Each structure stands twice: as structure tokens, then as C-alpha cells.
């Protein structure tokens, strides 16, 4: 299984991520099993890591924050994130990361 899936019918990108909070900066680290591992520069308390995760993905995929929803795992490290209308560059960004 790959860490992402594109639902063409609903124009939605579904990402499985493994979040490591309290990093010095937010960045993509690599793969963690079947999830994309992200270091996030925010503590897990008070929803700060989730807010930073959404901000990081918003900048990476160049979509509005309102298009990003944490569907599963908001209180854990492993999360399922949905991005509505990710645009044509989303798949290229993810495939370039895998290359």
C-alpha cells in the first residue's frame, strides 16, 4: 500500500502520515511503513501539532487550509488527511518525492 491515494470521482487526495512533533522545523523525512513521515515544529499539546501539520500541507500543496481535513488520528501520530481539489501538481509533488 502506498501512503497516498487520489479519489478522482470526489477530487480528493488522501494521505496517510506519521507525525513526529517537537521537531526543529517542519519537513518531510521519508516513509514510515506505509505512511509518509513528517517532522512537525510544534508540540502535540493543545492541538498545536495538528495546526502546524495543516499549515505545512497547505504550503506544500499550495491549497487553502480549509481544503485540508484530518479525517482520522487527530490525537495520535498516525493520521489520515484528506485534501479537497488538490490540483494537478499534487501527484507530481508526491511522485517526485518517491523518485
PDB file of N, CA and C in Angstrom:
ATOM      1  N   UNK A   1       0.841  -1.185   0.000  1.00  0.00           N
ATOM      2  CA  UNK A   1       0.000   0.000   0.000  1.00  0.00           C
ATOM      3  C   UNK A   1       0.884   1.246   0.000  1.00  0.00           C
ATOM      4  N   UNK A   2       0.486   2.219  -0.746  1.00  0.00           N
ATOM      5  CA  UNK A   2       1.217   3.474  -0.791  1.00  0.00           C
ATOM      6  C   UNK A   2       0.632   4.448   0.229  1.00  0.00           C
ATOM      7  N   UNK A   3       1.363   5.486   0.520  1.00  0.00           N
ATOM      8  CA  UNK A   3       0.934   6.432   1.549  1.00  0.00           C
ATOM      9  C   UNK A   3      -0.101   7.428   1.039  1.00  0.00           C
ATOM     10  N   UNK A   4      -0.413   7.382  -0.268  1.00  0.00           N
ATOM     11  CA  UNK A   4      -1.445   8.294  -0.767  1.00  0.00           C
ATOM     12  C   UNK A   4      -2.327   7.614  -1.795  1.00  0.00           C
ATOM     13  N   UNK A   5      -3.511   8.197  -1.943  1.00  0.00           N
ATOM     14  CA  UNK A   5      -4.479   7.714  -2.926  1.00  0.00           C
ATOM     15  C   UNK A   5      -5.226   8.937  -3.450  1.00  0.00           C
ATOM     16  N   UNK A   6      -5.477   8.938  -4.733  1.00  0.00           N
ATOM     17  CA  UNK A   6      -6.246  10.024  -5.327  1.00  0.00           C
ATOM     18  C   UNK A   6      -7.615   9.483  -5.702  1.00  0.00           C
ATOM     19  N   UNK A   7      -8.641  10.079  -5.126  1.00  0.00           N
ATOM     20  CA  UNK A   7     -10.029   9.733  -5.429  1.00  0.00           C
ATOM     21  C   UNK A   7     -10.494  10.701  -6.511  1.00  0.00           C
ATOM     22  N   UNK A   8     -10.408  10.261  -7.757  1.00  0.00           N
ATOM     23  CA  UNK A   8     -10.741  11.136  -8.892  1.00  0.00           C
ATOM     24  C   UNK A   8     -12.204  11.534  -8.900  1.00  0.00           C
ATOM     25  N   UNK A   9     -13.073  10.626  -8.494  1.00  0.00           N
ATOM     26  CA  UNK A   9     -14.515  10.909  -8.527  1.00  0.00           C
ATOM     27  C   UNK A   9     -14.871  12.074  -7.605  1.00  0.00           C
ATOM     28  N   UNK A  10     -14.267  12.105  -6.442  1.00  0.00           N
ATOM     29  CA  UNK A  10     -14.573  13.171  -5.480  1.00  0.00           C
ATOM     30  C   UNK A  10     -13.507  14.266  -5.473  1.00  0.00           C
ATOM     31  N   UNK A  11     -12.536  14.171  -6.381  1.00  0.00           N
ATOM     32  CA  UNK A  11     -11.438  15.147  -6.474  1.00  0.00           C
ATOM     33  C   UNK A  11     -10.798  15.376  -5.112  1.00  0.00           C
ATOM     34  N   UNK A  12     -10.263  14.298  -4.570  1.00  0.00           N
ATOM     35  CA  UNK A  12      -9.721  14.334  -3.217  1.00  0.00           C
ATOM     36  C   UNK A  12      -8.419  13.532  -3.161  1.00  0.00           C
ATOM     37  N   UNK A  13      -7.425  14.073  -2.474  1.00  0.00           N
ATOM     38  CA  UNK A  13      -6.177  13.377  -2.200  1.00  0.00           C
ATOM     39  C   UNK A  13      -6.235  12.883  -0.761  1.00  0.00           C
ATOM     40  N   UNK A  14      -5.947  11.598  -0.568  1.00  0.00           N
ATOM     41  CA  UNK A  14      -5.971  11.009   0.770  1.00  0.00           C
ATOM     42  C   UNK A  14      -4.548  10.594   1.115  1.00  0.00           C
ATOM     43  N   UNK A  15      -4.018  11.162   2.197  1.00  0.00           N
ATOM     44  CA  UNK A  15      -2.655  10.894   2.652  1.00  0.00           C
ATOM     45  C   UNK A  15      -2.676  10.161   3.984  1.00  0.00           C
ATOM     46  N   UNK A  16      -1.777   9.189   4.134  1.00  0.00           N
ATOM     47  CA  UNK A  16      -1.539   8.563   5.429  1.00  0.00           C
ATOM     48  C   UNK A  16      -0.194   9.108   5.892  1.00  0.00           C
ATOM     49  N   UNK A  17      -0.187   9.772   7.043  1.00  0.00           N
ATOM     50  CA  UNK A  17       1.040  10.383   7.543  1.00  0.00           C
ATOM     51  C   UNK A  17       1.363   9.891   8.949  1.00  0.00           C
ATOM     52  N   UNK A  18       2.639   9.865   9.231  1.00  0.00           N
ATOM     53  CA  UNK A  18       3.144   9.592  10.582  1.00  0.00           C
ATOM     54  C   UNK A  18       3.830  10.877  11.023  1.00  0.00           C
ATOM     55  N   UNK A  19       3.320  11.495  12.077  1.00  0.00           N
ATOM     56  CA  UNK A  19       3.795  12.799  12.518  1.00  0.00           C
ATOM     57  C   UNK A  19       4.730  12.650  13.707  1.00  0.00           C
ATOM     58  N   UNK A  20       5.870  13.324  13.615  1.00  0.00           N
ATOM     59  CA  UNK A  20       6.810  13.404  14.727  1.00  0.00           C
ATOM     60  C   UNK A  20       6.817  14.857  15.200  1.00  0.00           C
ATOM     61  N   UNK A  21       6.135  15.155  16.307  1.00  0.00           N
ATOM     62  CA  UNK A  21       6.068  16.542  16.796  1.00  0.00           C
ATOM     63  C   UNK A  21       7.366  16.973  17.470  1.00  0.00           C
ATOM     64  N   UNK A  22       7.425  18.250  17.821  1.00  0.00           N
ATOM     65  CA  UNK A  22       8.558  18.850  18.538  1.00  0.00           C
ATOM     66  C   UNK A  22       9.856  18.848  17.741  1.00  0.00           C
ATOM     67  N   UNK A  23       9.770  18.892  16.425  1.00  0.00           N
ATOM     68  CA  UNK A  23      10.970  18.955  15.592  1.00  0.00           C
ATOM     69  C   UNK A  23      11.472  20.399  15.528  1.00  0.00           C
ATOM     70  N   UNK A  24      12.699  20.573  15.085  1.00  0.00           N
ATOM     71  CA  UNK A  24      13.247  21.925  14.972  1.00  0.00           C
ATOM     72  C   UNK A  24      12.613  22.690  13.809  1.00  0.00           C
ATOM     73  N   UNK A  25      12.146  21.952  12.784  1.00  0.00           N
ATOM     74  CA  UNK A  25      11.429  22.560  11.663  1.00  0.00           C
ATOM     75  C   UNK A  25      10.506  21.519  11.054  1.00  0.00           C
ATOM     76  N   UNK A  26       9.484  21.986  10.370  1.00  0.00           N
ATOM     77  CA  UNK A  26       8.540  21.081   9.721  1.00  0.00           C
ATOM     78  C   UNK A  26       9.090  20.676   8.362  1.00  0.00           C
ATOM     79  N   UNK A  27       9.084  19.367   8.107  1.00  0.00           N
ATOM     80  CA  UNK A  27       9.615  18.861   6.839  1.00  0.00           C
ATOM     81  C   UNK A  27       9.214  17.413   6.620  1.00  0.00           C
ATOM     82  N   UNK A  28       9.342  16.978   5.381  1.00  0.00           N
ATOM     83  CA  UNK A  28       9.130  15.580   5.018  1.00  0.00           C
ATOM     84  C   UNK A  28      10.427  14.843   5.297  1.00  0.00           C
ATOM     85  N   UNK A  29      10.326  13.720   6.008  1.00  0.00           N
ATOM     86  CA  UNK A  29      11.516  12.956   6.364  1.00  0.00           C
ATOM     87  C   UNK A  29      11.692  11.749   5.465  1.00  0.00           C
ATOM     88  N   UNK A  30      10.610  11.061   5.170  1.00  0.00           N
ATOM     89  CA  UNK A  30      10.689   9.839   4.367  1.00  0.00           C
ATOM     90  C   UNK A  30       9.446   9.017   4.585  1.00  0.00           C
ATOM     91  N   UNK A  31       9.619   7.719   4.490  1.00  0.00           N
ATOM     92  CA  UNK A  31       8.492   6.815   4.709  1.00  0.00           C
ATOM     93  C   UNK A  31       8.641   6.141   6.061  1.00  0.00           C
ATOM     94  N   UNK A  32       7.519   5.840   6.665  1.00  0.00           N
ATOM     95  CA  UNK A  32       7.448   5.115   7.932  1.00  0.00           C
ATOM     96  C   UNK A  32       6.427   4.012   7.712  1.00  0.00           C
ATOM     97  N   UNK A  33       6.884   2.854   7.262  1.00  0.00           N
ATOM     98  CA  UNK A  33       5.955   1.790   6.869  1.00  0.00           C
ATOM     99  C   UNK A  33       5.173   2.232   5.654  1.00  0.00           C
ATOM    100  N   UNK A  34       3.848   2.237   5.765  1.00  0.00           N
ATOM    101  CA  UNK A  34       3.002   2.664   4.648  1.00  0.00           C
ATOM    102  C   UNK A  34       2.526   4.104   4.813  1.00  0.00           C
ATOM    103  N   UNK A  35       3.249   4.891   5.607  1.00  0.00           N
ATOM    104  CA  UNK A  35       2.872   6.288   5.853  1.00  0.00           C
ATOM    105  C   UNK A  35       4.031   7.218   5.482  1.00  0.00           C
ATOM    106  N   UNK A  36       3.679   8.440   5.140  1.00  0.00           N
ATOM    107  CA  UNK A  36       4.665   9.476   4.888  1.00  0.00           C
ATOM    108  C   UNK A  36       5.051  10.077   6.234  1.00  0.00           C
ATOM    109  N   UNK A  37       6.332  10.067   6.561  1.00  0.00           N
ATOM    110  CA  UNK A  37       6.779  10.589   7.858  1.00  0.00           C
ATOM    111  C   UNK A  37       7.080  12.068   7.738  1.00  0.00           C
ATOM    112  N   UNK A  38       6.456  12.852   8.609  1.00  0.00           N
ATOM    113  CA  UNK A  38       6.641  14.295   8.645  1.00  0.00           C
ATOM    114  C   UNK A  38       7.107  14.711  10.030  1.00  0.00           C
ATOM    115  N   UNK A  39       8.143  15.527  10.075  1.00  0.00           N
ATOM    116  CA  UNK A  39       8.525  16.157  11.329  1.00  0.00           C
ATOM    117  C   UNK A  39       7.793  17.485  11.380  1.00  0.00           C
ATOM    118  N   UNK A  40       7.199  17.776  12.528  1.00  0.00           N
ATOM    119  CA  UNK A  40       6.390  18.978  12.690  1.00  0.00           C
ATOM    120  C   UNK A  40       6.964  19.818  13.827  1.00  0.00           C
ATOM    121  N   UNK A  41       7.166  21.098  13.550  1.00  0.00           N
ATOM    122  CA  UNK A  41       7.777  22.025  14.511  1.00  0.00           C
ATOM    123  C   UNK A  41       6.731  22.613  15.448  1.00  0.00           C
ATOM    124  N   UNK A  42       6.085  21.738  16.198  1.00  0.00           N
ATOM    125  CA  UNK A  42       5.096  22.176  17.190  1.00  0.00           C
ATOM    126  C   UNK A  42       4.891  21.025  18.176  1.00  0.00           C
ATOM    127  N   UNK A  43       4.560  21.360  19.417  1.00  0.00           N
ATOM    128  CA  UNK A  43       4.292  20.308  20.400  1.00  0.00           C
ATOM    129  C   UNK A  43       2.922  19.675  20.159  1.00  0.00           C
ATOM    130  N   UNK A  44       2.728  18.449  20.642  1.00  0.00           N
ATOM    131  CA  UNK A  44       1.444  17.794  20.439  1.00  0.00           C
ATOM    132  C   UNK A  44       0.321  18.345  21.318  1.00  0.00           C
ATOM    133  N   UNK A  45       0.651  19.103  22.331  1.00  0.00           N
ATOM    134  CA  UNK A  45      -0.361  19.632  23.257  1.00  0.00           C
ATOM    135  C   UNK A  45      -1.207  20.719  22.613  1.00  0.00           C
ATOM    136  N   UNK A  46      -2.438  20.815  23.064  1.00  0.00           N
ATOM    137  CA  UNK A  46      -3.367  21.874  22.657  1.00  0.00           C
ATOM    138  C   UNK A  46      -3.589  21.947  21.150  1.00  0.00           C
ATOM    139  N   UNK A  47      -3.496  20.799  20.471  1.00  0.00           N
ATOM    140  CA  UNK A  47      -3.777  20.718  19.032  1.00  0.00           C
ATOM    141  C   UNK A  47      -2.753  21.481  18.175  1.00  0.00           C
ATOM    142  N   UNK A  48      -1.650  21.918  18.760  1.00  0.00           N
ATOM    143  CA  UNK A  48      -0.671  22.725  18.034  1.00  0.00           C
ATOM    144  C   UNK A  48      -0.010  21.958  16.897  1.00  0.00           C
ATOM    145  N   UNK A  49       0.291  20.670  17.106  1.00  0.00           N
ATOM    146  CA  UNK A  49       0.925  19.879  16.044  1.00  0.00           C
ATOM    147  C   UNK A  49      -0.033  19.698  14.863  1.00  0.00           C
ATOM    148  N   UNK A  50      -1.312  19.502  15.126  1.00  0.00           N
ATOM    149  CA  UNK A  50      -2.285  19.367  14.040  1.00  0.00           C
ATOM    150  C   UNK A  50      -2.414  20.668  13.245  1.00  0.00           C
ATOM    151  N   UNK A  51      -2.410  21.786  13.943  1.00  0.00           N
ATOM    152  CA  UNK A  51      -2.491  23.083  13.268  1.00  0.00           C
ATOM    153  C   UNK A  51      -1.261  23.290  12.393  1.00  0.00           C
ATOM    154  N   UNK A  52      -0.089  22.952  12.904  1.00  0.00           N
ATOM    155  CA  UNK A  52       1.151  23.092  12.130  1.00  0.00           C
ATOM    156  C   UNK A  52       1.171  22.113  10.959  1.00  0.00           C
ATOM    157  N   UNK A  53       0.652  20.906  11.152  1.00  0.00           N
ATOM    158  CA  UNK A  53       0.562  19.927  10.062  1.00  0.00           C
ATOM    159  C   UNK A  53      -0.281  20.490   8.919  1.00  0.00           C
ATOM    160  N   UNK A  54      -1.431  21.036   9.239  1.00  0.00           N
ATOM    161  CA  UNK A  54      -2.305  21.620   8.210  1.00  0.00           C
ATOM    162  C   UNK A  54      -1.602  22.782   7.526  1.00  0.00           C
ATOM    163  N   UNK A  55      -0.906  23.612   8.283  1.00  0.00           N
ATOM    164  CA  UNK A  55      -0.180  24.730   7.688  1.00  0.00           C
ATOM    165  C   UNK A  55       0.924  24.235   6.756  1.00  0.00           C
ATOM    166  N   UNK A  56       1.646  23.205   7.167  1.00  0.00           N
ATOM    167  CA  UNK A  56       2.717  22.638   6.344  1.00  0.00           C
ATOM    168  C   UNK A  56       2.162  22.078   5.036  1.00  0.00           C
ATOM    169  N   UNK A  57       1.081  21.302   5.131  1.00  0.00           N
ATOM    170  CA  UNK A  57       0.489  20.724   3.924  1.00  0.00           C
ATOM    171  C   UNK A  57      -0.093  21.809   3.016  1.00  0.00           C
ATOM    172  N   UNK A  58      -0.656  22.835   3.604  1.00  0.00           N
ATOM    173  CA  UNK A  58      -1.202  23.965   2.833  1.00  0.00           C
ATOM    174  C   UNK A  58      -0.096  24.628   2.007  1.00  0.00           C
ATOM    175  N   UNK A  59       1.069  24.787   2.587  1.00  0.00           N
ATOM    176  CA  UNK A  59       2.188  25.398   1.863  1.00  0.00           C
ATOM    177  C   UNK A  59       2.761  24.450   0.810  1.00  0.00           C
ATOM    178  N   UNK A  60       2.871  23.172   1.143  1.00  0.00           N
ATOM    179  CA  UNK A  60       3.466  22.190   0.234  1.00  0.00           C
ATOM    180  C   UNK A  60       2.603  22.004  -1.023  1.00  0.00           C
ATOM    181  N   UNK A  61       1.307  21.836  -0.827  1.00  0.00           N
ATOM    182  CA  UNK A  61       0.411  21.566  -1.951  1.00  0.00           C
ATOM    183  C   UNK A  61      -0.227  22.827  -2.540  1.00  0.00           C
ATOM    184  N   UNK A  62       0.046  23.967  -1.924  1.00  0.00           N
ATOM    185  CA  UNK A  62      -0.480  25.246  -2.419  1.00  0.00           C
ATOM    186  C   UNK A  62      -2.006  25.225  -2.546  1.00  0.00           C
ATOM    187  N   UNK A  63      -2.634  24.812  -1.452  1.00  0.00           N
ATOM    188  CA  UNK A  63      -4.098  24.811  -1.341  1.00  0.00           C
ATOM    189  C   UNK A  63      -4.460  25.607  -0.089  1.00  0.00           C
ATOM    190  N   UNK A  64      -5.720  25.982   0.022  1.00  0.00           N
ATOM    191  CA  UNK A  64      -6.129  26.701   1.232  1.00  0.00           C
ATOM    192  C   UNK A  64      -6.214  25.734   2.406  1.00  0.00           C
ATOM    193  N   UNK A  65      -6.069  26.264   3.591  1.00  0.00           N
ATOM    194  CA  UNK A  65      -6.155  25.438   4.799  1.00  0.00           C
ATOM    195  C   UNK A  65      -7.536  24.814   4.940  1.00  0.00           C
ATOM    196  N   UNK A  66      -8.553  25.475   4.431  1.00  0.00           N
ATOM    197  CA  UNK A  66      -9.920  24.955   4.515  1.00  0.00           C
ATOM    198  C   UNK A  66     -10.101  23.679   3.681  1.00  0.00           C
ATOM    199  N   UNK A  67      -9.206  23.428   2.736  1.00  0.00           N
ATOM    200  CA  UNK A  67      -9.297  22.232   1.896  1.00  0.00           C
ATOM    201  C   UNK A  67      -8.679  21.012   2.569  1.00  0.00           C
ATOM    202  N   UNK A  68      -8.056  21.172   3.718  1.00  0.00           N
ATOM    203  CA  UNK A  68      -7.339  20.093   4.390  1.00  0.00           C
ATOM    204  C   UNK A  68      -8.089  19.693   5.656  1.00  0.00           C
ATOM    205  N   UNK A  69      -8.366  18.388   5.762  1.00  0.00           N
ATOM    206  CA  UNK A  69      -9.109  17.862   6.913  1.00  0.00           C
ATOM    207  C   UNK A  69      -8.375  16.640   7.456  1.00  0.00           C
ATOM    208  N   UNK A  70      -8.174  16.594   8.766  1.00  0.00           N
ATOM    209  CA  UNK A  70      -7.645  15.386   9.403  1.00  0.00           C
ATOM    210  C   UNK A  70      -8.843  14.482   9.662  1.00  0.00           C
ATOM    211  N   UNK A  71      -8.966  13.418   8.869  1.00  0.00           N
ATOM    212  CA  UNK A  71     -10.138  12.527   8.942  1.00  0.00           C
ATOM    213  C   UNK A  71     -10.014  11.513  10.074  1.00  0.00           C
ATOM    214  N   UNK A  72      -8.806  11.026  10.318  1.00  0.00           N
ATOM    215  CA  UNK A  72      -8.595  10.024  11.364  1.00  0.00           C
ATOM    216  C   UNK A  72      -7.278  10.309  12.073  1.00  0.00           C
ATOM    217  N   UNK A  73      -7.224  10.006  13.354  1.00  0.00           N
ATOM    218  CA  UNK A  73      -5.982  10.072  14.097  1.00  0.00           C
ATOM    219  C   UNK A  73      -5.596  11.437  14.628  1.00  0.00           C
ATOM    220  N   UNK A  74      -6.543  12.313  14.836  1.00  0.00           N
ATOM    221  CA  UNK A  74      -6.219  13.666  15.299  1.00  0.00           C
ATOM    222  C   UNK A  74      -5.467  13.661  16.628  1.00  0.00           C
ATOM    223  N   UNK A  75      -5.616  12.611  17.418  1.00  0.00           N
ATOM    224  CA  UNK A  75      -4.955  12.578  18.724  1.00  0.00           C
ATOM    225  C   UNK A  75      -3.743  11.658  18.742  1.00  0.00           C
ATOM    226  N   UNK A  76      -3.392  11.068  17.602  1.00  0.00           N
ATOM    227  CA  UNK A  76      -2.248  10.161  17.545  1.00  0.00           C
ATOM    228  C   UNK A  76      -1.220  10.622  16.531  1.00  0.00           C
ATOM    229  N   UNK A  77      -0.170   9.841  16.394  1.00  0.00           N
ATOM    230  CA  UNK A  77       0.876  10.174  15.430  1.00  0.00           C
ATOM    231  C   UNK A  77       0.492   9.774  14.011  1.00  0.00           C
ATOM    232  N   UNK A  78      -0.240   8.686  13.876  1.00  0.00           N
ATOM    233  CA  UNK A  78      -0.656   8.224  12.550  1.00  0.00           C
ATOM    234  C   UNK A  78      -1.991   8.879  12.207  1.00  0.00           C
ATOM    235  N   UNK A  79      -2.036   9.544  11.069  1.00  0.00           N
ATOM    236  CA  UNK A  79      -3.225  10.302  10.691  1.00  0.00           C
ATOM    237  C   UNK A  79      -3.592  10.010   9.236  1.00  0.00           C
ATOM    238  N   UNK A  80      -4.863  10.142   8.942  1.00  0.00           N
ATOM    239  CA  UNK A  80      -5.352  10.124   7.570  1.00  0.00           C
ATOM    240  C   UNK A  80      -5.845  11.530   7.289  1.00  0.00           C
ATOM    241  N   UNK A  81      -5.265  12.140   6.266  1.00  0.00           N
ATOM    242  CA  UNK A  81      -5.565  13.522   5.918  1.00  0.00           C
ATOM    243  C   UNK A  81      -6.173  13.555   4.524  1.00  0.00           C
ATOM    244  N   UNK A  82      -7.249  14.322   4.363  1.00  0.00           N
ATOM    245  CA  UNK A  82      -7.871  14.491   3.048  1.00  0.00           C
ATOM    246  C   UNK A  82      -7.676  15.925   2.591  1.00  0.00           C
ATOM    247  N   UNK A  83      -7.314  16.058   1.306  1.00  0.00           N
ATOM    248  CA  UNK A  83      -7.153  17.373   0.695  1.00  0.00           C
ATOM    249  C   UNK A  83      -8.115  17.444  -0.477  1.00  0.00           C
ATOM    250  N   UNK A  84      -9.080  18.349  -0.392  1.00  0.00           N
ATOM    251  CA  UNK A  84     -10.061  18.531  -1.462  1.00  0.00           C
ATOM    252  C   UNK A  84      -9.452  19.342  -2.598  1.00  0.00           C
ATOM    253  N   UNK A  85      -9.758  18.931  -3.817  1.00  0.00           N
ATOM    254  CA  UNK A  85      -9.296  19.635  -5.026  1.00  0.00           C
ATOM    255  C   UNK A  85      -7.810  19.973  -4.952  1.00  0.00           C
ATOM    256  N   UNK A  86      -6.934  18.953  -4.868  1.00  0.00           N
ATOM    257  CA  UNK A  86      -5.515  19.230  -4.658  1.00  0.00           C
ATOM    258  C   UNK A  86      -4.798  19.861  -5.850  1.00  0.00           C
ATOM    259  N   UNK A  87      -5.396  19.827  -7.020  1.00  0.00           N
ATOM    260  CA  UNK A  87      -4.744  20.410  -8.193  1.00  0.00           C
ATOM    261  C   UNK A  87      -3.870  19.391  -8.897  1.00  0.00           C
ATOM    262  N   UNK A  88      -3.486  19.736 -10.103  1.00  0.00           N
ATOM    263  CA  UNK A  88      -2.730  18.812 -10.948  1.00  0.00           C
ATOM    264  C   UNK A  88      -1.324  18.547 -10.423  1.00  0.00           C
ATOM    265  N   UNK A  89      -0.757  19.469  -9.678  1.00  0.00           N
ATOM    266  CA  UNK A  89       0.608  19.315  -9.205  1.00  0.00           C
ATOM    267  C   UNK A  89       0.776  18.404  -8.006  1.00  0.00           C
ATOM    268  N   UNK A  90      -0.315  17.989  -7.375  1.00  0.00           N
ATOM    269  CA  UNK A  90      -0.213  17.175  -6.161  1.00  0.00           C
ATOM    270  C   UNK A  90       0.442  15.833  -6.441  1.00  0.00           C
ATOM    271  N   UNK A  91      -0.029  15.137  -7.452  1.00  0.00           N
ATOM    272  CA  UNK A  91       0.538  13.827  -7.773  1.00  0.00           C
ATOM    273  C   UNK A  91       2.001  13.978  -8.174  1.00  0.00           C
ATOM    274  N   UNK A  92       2.309  15.011  -8.928  1.00  0.00           N
ATOM    275  CA  UNK A  92       3.710  15.242  -9.341  1.00  0.00           C
ATOM    276  C   UNK A  92       4.588  15.497  -8.124  1.00  0.00           C
ATOM    277  N   UNK A  93       4.101  16.259  -7.152  1.00  0.00           N
ATOM    278  CA  UNK A  93       4.868  16.522  -5.930  1.00  0.00           C
ATOM    279  C   UNK A  93       5.155  15.234  -5.166  1.00  0.00           C
ATOM    280  N   UNK A  94       4.134  14.391  -5.056  1.00  0.00           N
ATOM    281  CA  UNK A  94       4.298  13.139  -4.318  1.00  0.00           C
ATOM    282  C   UNK A  94       5.180  12.152  -5.081  1.00  0.00           C
ATOM    283  N   UNK A  95       4.979  12.060  -6.405  1.00  0.00           N
ATOM    284  CA  UNK A  95       5.801  11.142  -7.198  1.00  0.00           C
ATOM    285  C   UNK A  95       7.252  11.588  -7.230  1.00  0.00           C
ATOM    286  N   UNK A  96       7.490  12.905  -7.244  1.00  0.00           N
ATOM    287  CA  UNK A  96       8.860  13.425  -7.224  1.00  0.00           C
ATOM    288  C   UNK A  96       9.534  13.066  -5.906  1.00  0.00           C
ATOM    289  N   UNK A  97       8.773  13.077  -4.829  1.00  0.00           N
ATOM    290  CA  UNK A  97       9.321  12.695  -3.530  1.00  0.00           C
ATOM    291  C   UNK A  97       9.747  11.227  -3.548  1.00  0.00           C
ATOM    292  N   UNK A  98       8.978  10.373  -4.207  1.00  0.00           N
ATOM    293  CA  UNK A  98       9.279   8.935  -4.248  1.00  0.00           C
ATOM    294  C   UNK A  98      10.445   8.599  -5.165  1.00  0.00           C
ATOM    295  N   UNK A  99      10.751   9.474  -6.108  1.00  0.00           N
ATOM    296  CA  UNK A  99      11.815   9.188  -7.098  1.00  0.00           C
ATOM    297  C   UNK A  99      13.193   9.243  -6.481  1.00  0.00           C
TER     298      UNK A  99
END
